[in-house]
Amino acid sequence: VFADRALNPDGTLVPRNKPGAVIKDVEKIVAASLKMVIEGKAIAINGQEIEVKADTICLHGDTPGAVELAQALRERMEAAGVAVVPMGTIL
């Protein structure tokens, strides 16, 4: 899943040229990521709850504050009991 991108009701990414496609609020990103990982659910751009399978989380390096966002995600994931492991561990 992409931590900093909005989803359409069918689970696809909202195109970047659409309003709200890129999420910039760290708390919203972290909360949504936790929901996707722990509950297997996401809130689509239209407010509908959809099912997702989040084996990995991708962050866009060109997102302003990406390093701080990665740190916040790791801290909150670990605090919630989610194991944060290298991608090679799960592939």
N, C-alpha and C. Protein backbone atom coordinates (compact mmCIF):
# COMPACT_ATOMS: atom_id res chain seq x y z
N VAL A 1 0.84 -1.17 0.00
CA VAL A 1 0.00 0.00 0.00
C VAL A 1 0.89 1.24 0.00
N PHE A 2 0.33 2.35 -0.43
CA PHE A 2 1.03 3.63 -0.41
C PHE A 2 0.49 4.44 0.75
N ALA A 3 1.38 4.81 1.66
CA ALA A 3 0.96 5.53 2.86
C ALA A 3 0.42 6.91 2.56
N ASP A 4 0.99 7.57 1.57
CA ASP A 4 0.68 8.98 1.33
C ASP A 4 -0.18 9.23 0.10
N ARG A 5 -0.93 8.21 -0.33
CA ARG A 5 -1.80 8.37 -1.49
C ARG A 5 -3.23 7.98 -1.15
N ALA A 6 -4.16 8.69 -1.75
CA ALA A 6 -5.58 8.41 -1.58
C ALA A 6 -5.99 7.27 -2.52
N LEU A 7 -7.04 6.57 -2.13
CA LEU A 7 -7.54 5.44 -2.90
C LEU A 7 -8.94 5.71 -3.43
N ASN A 8 -9.19 5.16 -4.61
CA ASN A 8 -10.53 5.15 -5.17
C ASN A 8 -11.32 4.01 -4.49
N PRO A 9 -12.64 4.00 -4.61
CA PRO A 9 -13.43 2.93 -4.01
C PRO A 9 -13.06 1.53 -4.50
N ASP A 10 -12.47 1.43 -5.70
CA ASP A 10 -12.06 0.11 -6.21
C ASP A 10 -10.65 -0.28 -5.76
N GLY A 11 -10.03 0.55 -4.93
CA GLY A 11 -8.71 0.25 -4.39
C GLY A 11 -7.55 0.77 -5.20
N THR A 12 -7.82 1.35 -6.36
CA THR A 12 -6.75 1.93 -7.17
C THR A 12 -6.37 3.31 -6.62
N LEU A 13 -5.18 3.77 -6.99
CA LEU A 13 -4.74 5.08 -6.54
C LEU A 13 -5.49 6.19 -7.25
N VAL A 14 -5.83 7.22 -6.51
CA VAL A 14 -6.42 8.42 -7.12
C VAL A 14 -5.32 9.06 -7.96
N PRO A 15 -5.59 9.39 -9.22
CA PRO A 15 -4.56 10.01 -10.05
C PRO A 15 -4.00 11.28 -9.41
N ARG A 16 -2.71 11.48 -9.55
CA ARG A 16 -2.04 12.63 -8.92
C ARG A 16 -2.61 13.98 -9.37
N ASN A 17 -3.23 14.02 -10.53
CA ASN A 17 -3.77 15.30 -11.01
C ASN A 17 -5.14 15.62 -10.41
N LYS A 18 -5.64 14.75 -9.54
CA LYS A 18 -6.94 14.97 -8.88
C LYS A 18 -6.71 15.55 -7.48
N PRO A 19 -7.59 16.44 -7.04
CA PRO A 19 -7.46 17.00 -5.68
C PRO A 19 -7.51 15.89 -4.62
N GLY A 20 -6.63 15.99 -3.64
CA GLY A 20 -6.61 15.04 -2.55
C GLY A 20 -5.87 13.75 -2.83
N ALA A 21 -5.26 13.62 -4.01
CA ALA A 21 -4.57 12.38 -4.38
C ALA A 21 -3.36 12.10 -3.51
N VAL A 22 -2.63 13.15 -3.16
CA VAL A 22 -1.45 13.00 -2.31
C VAL A 22 -1.80 13.55 -0.93
N ILE A 23 -1.65 12.69 0.07
CA ILE A 23 -1.97 13.07 1.45
C ILE A 23 -0.71 13.64 2.08
N LYS A 24 -0.83 14.79 2.72
CA LYS A 24 0.35 15.46 3.28
C LYS A 24 0.33 15.55 4.80
N ASP A 25 -0.80 15.32 5.41
CA ASP A 25 -0.93 15.41 6.86
C ASP A 25 -0.38 14.15 7.51
N VAL A 26 0.68 14.30 8.30
CA VAL A 26 1.37 13.15 8.90
C VAL A 26 0.42 12.32 9.75
N GLU A 27 -0.39 12.94 10.57
CA GLU A 27 -1.31 12.18 11.43
C GLU A 27 -2.32 11.38 10.61
N LYS A 28 -2.83 11.97 9.53
CA LYS A 28 -3.76 11.24 8.67
C LYS A 28 -3.07 10.05 8.00
N ILE A 29 -1.84 10.27 7.56
CA ILE A 29 -1.08 9.20 6.90
C ILE A 29 -0.83 8.06 7.87
N VAL A 30 -0.37 8.39 9.07
CA VAL A 30 -0.06 7.36 10.07
C VAL A 30 -1.33 6.60 10.48
N ALA A 31 -2.40 7.32 10.75
CA ALA A 31 -3.66 6.67 11.15
C ALA A 31 -4.18 5.76 10.04
N ALA A 32 -4.14 6.24 8.81
CA ALA A 32 -4.63 5.43 7.69
C ALA A 32 -3.75 4.20 7.48
N SER A 33 -2.44 4.37 7.64
CA SER A 33 -1.52 3.25 7.47
C SER A 33 -1.75 2.19 8.55
N LEU A 34 -1.94 2.62 9.77
CA LEU A 34 -2.22 1.67 10.85
C LEU A 34 -3.51 0.91 10.56
N LYS A 35 -4.53 1.61 10.10
CA LYS A 35 -5.81 0.96 9.78
C LYS A 35 -5.62 -0.08 8.68
N MET A 36 -4.84 0.26 7.66
CA MET A 36 -4.62 -0.67 6.57
C MET A 36 -3.87 -1.91 7.03
N VAL A 37 -2.84 -1.71 7.85
CA VAL A 37 -2.01 -2.83 8.30
C VAL A 37 -2.73 -3.68 9.34
N ILE A 38 -3.33 -3.05 10.32
CA ILE A 38 -3.92 -3.78 11.44
C ILE A 38 -5.31 -4.33 11.10
N GLU A 39 -6.14 -3.52 10.46
CA GLU A 39 -7.53 -3.92 10.19
C GLU A 39 -7.75 -4.46 8.78
N GLY A 40 -6.80 -4.18 7.87
CA GLY A 40 -7.01 -4.57 6.47
C GLY A 40 -8.08 -3.73 5.80
N LYS A 41 -8.24 -2.50 6.27
CA LYS A 41 -9.26 -1.60 5.74
C LYS A 41 -8.66 -0.23 5.44
N ALA A 42 -9.26 0.46 4.50
CA ALA A 42 -8.86 1.83 4.16
C ALA A 42 -10.14 2.62 3.90
N ILE A 43 -10.01 3.92 4.02
CA ILE A 43 -11.12 4.80 3.69
C ILE A 43 -10.83 5.43 2.33
N ALA A 44 -11.67 5.11 1.35
CA ALA A 44 -11.50 5.64 0.00
C ALA A 44 -11.79 7.14 -0.01
N ILE A 45 -11.41 7.79 -1.08
CA ILE A 45 -11.56 9.24 -1.20
C ILE A 45 -13.02 9.68 -1.07
N ASN A 46 -13.96 8.77 -1.35
CA ASN A 46 -15.38 9.12 -1.23
C ASN A 46 -15.94 8.81 0.17
N GLY A 47 -15.05 8.36 1.09
CA GLY A 47 -15.48 8.06 2.45
C GLY A 47 -15.88 6.62 2.69
N GLN A 48 -15.95 5.82 1.62
CA GLN A 48 -16.33 4.42 1.73
C GLN A 48 -15.18 3.60 2.32
N GLU A 49 -15.50 2.70 3.26
CA GLU A 49 -14.48 1.80 3.80
C GLU A 49 -14.31 0.64 2.84
N ILE A 50 -13.05 0.36 2.48
CA ILE A 50 -12.76 -0.73 1.56
C ILE A 50 -11.73 -1.66 2.18
N GLU A 51 -11.67 -2.88 1.66
CA GLU A 51 -10.69 -3.85 2.14
C GLU A 51 -9.40 -3.70 1.35
N VAL A 52 -8.27 -3.83 2.06
CA VAL A 52 -6.95 -3.80 1.44
C VAL A 52 -6.09 -4.88 2.09
N LYS A 53 -5.06 -5.28 1.39
CA LYS A 53 -4.08 -6.21 1.95
C LYS A 53 -2.75 -5.47 1.95
N ALA A 54 -2.28 -5.15 3.13
CA ALA A 54 -1.08 -4.33 3.27
C ALA A 54 0.09 -5.18 3.78
N ASP A 55 0.84 -5.75 2.86
CA ASP A 55 2.04 -6.50 3.23
C ASP A 55 3.23 -5.57 3.39
N THR A 56 3.24 -4.52 2.59
CA THR A 56 4.32 -3.53 2.64
C THR A 56 3.71 -2.14 2.56
N ILE A 57 4.48 -1.15 3.02
CA ILE A 57 4.05 0.25 2.92
C ILE A 57 5.10 0.99 2.11
N CYS A 58 4.66 1.69 1.10
CA CYS A 58 5.54 2.50 0.26
C CYS A 58 5.35 3.97 0.62
N LEU A 59 6.46 4.66 0.73
CA LEU A 59 6.45 6.11 0.92
C LEU A 59 7.13 6.73 -0.30
N HIS A 60 6.59 7.81 -0.77
CA HIS A 60 7.23 8.52 -1.88
C HIS A 60 8.34 9.40 -1.33
N GLY A 61 9.54 9.18 -1.77
CA GLY A 61 10.69 9.95 -1.31
C GLY A 61 10.62 11.42 -1.68
N ASP A 62 9.82 11.76 -2.69
CA ASP A 62 9.70 13.16 -3.10
C ASP A 62 8.63 13.91 -2.32
N THR A 63 7.96 13.22 -1.42
CA THR A 63 6.97 13.88 -0.58
C THR A 63 7.70 14.74 0.45
N PRO A 64 7.37 16.01 0.57
CA PRO A 64 8.03 16.83 1.59
C PRO A 64 7.88 16.20 2.97
N GLY A 65 8.99 16.10 3.71
CA GLY A 65 8.96 15.52 5.04
C GLY A 65 8.96 14.01 5.04
N ALA A 66 9.39 13.38 3.94
CA ALA A 66 9.34 11.92 3.82
C ALA A 66 10.14 11.21 4.93
N VAL A 67 11.28 11.75 5.30
CA VAL A 67 12.10 11.12 6.33
C VAL A 67 11.37 11.15 7.67
N GLU A 68 10.83 12.29 8.01
CA GLU A 68 10.08 12.42 9.26
C GLU A 68 8.84 11.53 9.25
N LEU A 69 8.21 11.43 8.11
CA LEU A 69 7.04 10.57 7.97
C LEU A 69 7.43 9.11 8.19
N ALA A 70 8.53 8.68 7.61
CA ALA A 70 9.00 7.31 7.79
C ALA A 70 9.28 7.03 9.26
N GLN A 71 9.89 7.98 9.93
CA GLN A 71 10.18 7.82 11.36
C GLN A 71 8.89 7.70 12.17
N ALA A 72 7.93 8.57 11.86
CA ALA A 72 6.64 8.54 12.58
C ALA A 72 5.92 7.22 12.34
N LEU A 73 5.92 6.76 11.09
CA LEU A 73 5.26 5.48 10.78
C LEU A 73 5.91 4.34 11.54
N ARG A 74 7.23 4.29 11.53
CA ARG A 74 7.92 3.20 12.22
C ARG A 74 7.60 3.22 13.71
N GLU A 75 7.69 4.40 14.32
CA GLU A 75 7.42 4.51 15.76
C GLU A 75 6.01 4.05 16.11
N ARG A 76 5.04 4.51 15.34
CA ARG A 76 3.64 4.17 15.64
C ARG A 76 3.32 2.71 15.33
N MET A 77 3.92 2.18 14.27
CA MET A 77 3.72 0.76 13.95
C MET A 77 4.26 -0.10 15.09
N GLU A 78 5.49 0.18 15.50
CA GLU A 78 6.10 -0.60 16.57
C GLU A 78 5.32 -0.45 17.88
N ALA A 79 4.85 0.76 18.16
CA ALA A 79 4.06 0.99 19.37
C ALA A 79 2.75 0.19 19.35
N ALA A 80 2.24 -0.06 18.14
CA ALA A 80 1.00 -0.82 17.99
C ALA A 80 1.25 -2.33 17.91
N GLY A 81 2.52 -2.72 18.02
CA GLY A 81 2.86 -4.14 17.99
C GLY A 81 3.07 -4.72 16.60
N VAL A 82 3.19 -3.84 15.61
CA VAL A 82 3.42 -4.29 14.24
C VAL A 82 4.92 -4.46 14.03
N ALA A 83 5.33 -5.61 13.55
CA ALA A 83 6.74 -5.85 13.28
C ALA A 83 7.16 -5.09 12.02
N VAL A 84 8.20 -4.30 12.13
CA VAL A 84 8.75 -3.57 10.99
C VAL A 84 10.03 -4.32 10.59
N VAL A 85 10.00 -4.94 9.41
CA VAL A 85 11.11 -5.77 8.96
C VAL A 85 11.54 -5.39 7.56
N PRO A 86 12.76 -5.75 7.16
CA PRO A 86 13.19 -5.48 5.78
C PRO A 86 12.31 -6.24 4.79
N MET A 87 12.12 -5.66 3.62
CA MET A 87 11.26 -6.25 2.60
C MET A 87 11.71 -7.67 2.27
N GLY A 88 13.00 -7.91 2.24
CA GLY A 88 13.50 -9.25 1.91
C GLY A 88 13.04 -10.31 2.89
N THR A 89 12.64 -9.92 4.06
CA THR A 89 12.16 -10.87 5.07
C THR A 89 10.81 -11.46 4.69
N ILE A 90 10.00 -10.70 3.96
CA ILE A 90 8.66 -11.18 3.63
C ILE A 90 8.52 -11.66 2.19
N LEU A 91 9.52 -11.41 1.39
CA LEU A 91 9.45 -11.85 -0.01
C LEU A 91 9.98 -13.25 -0.19
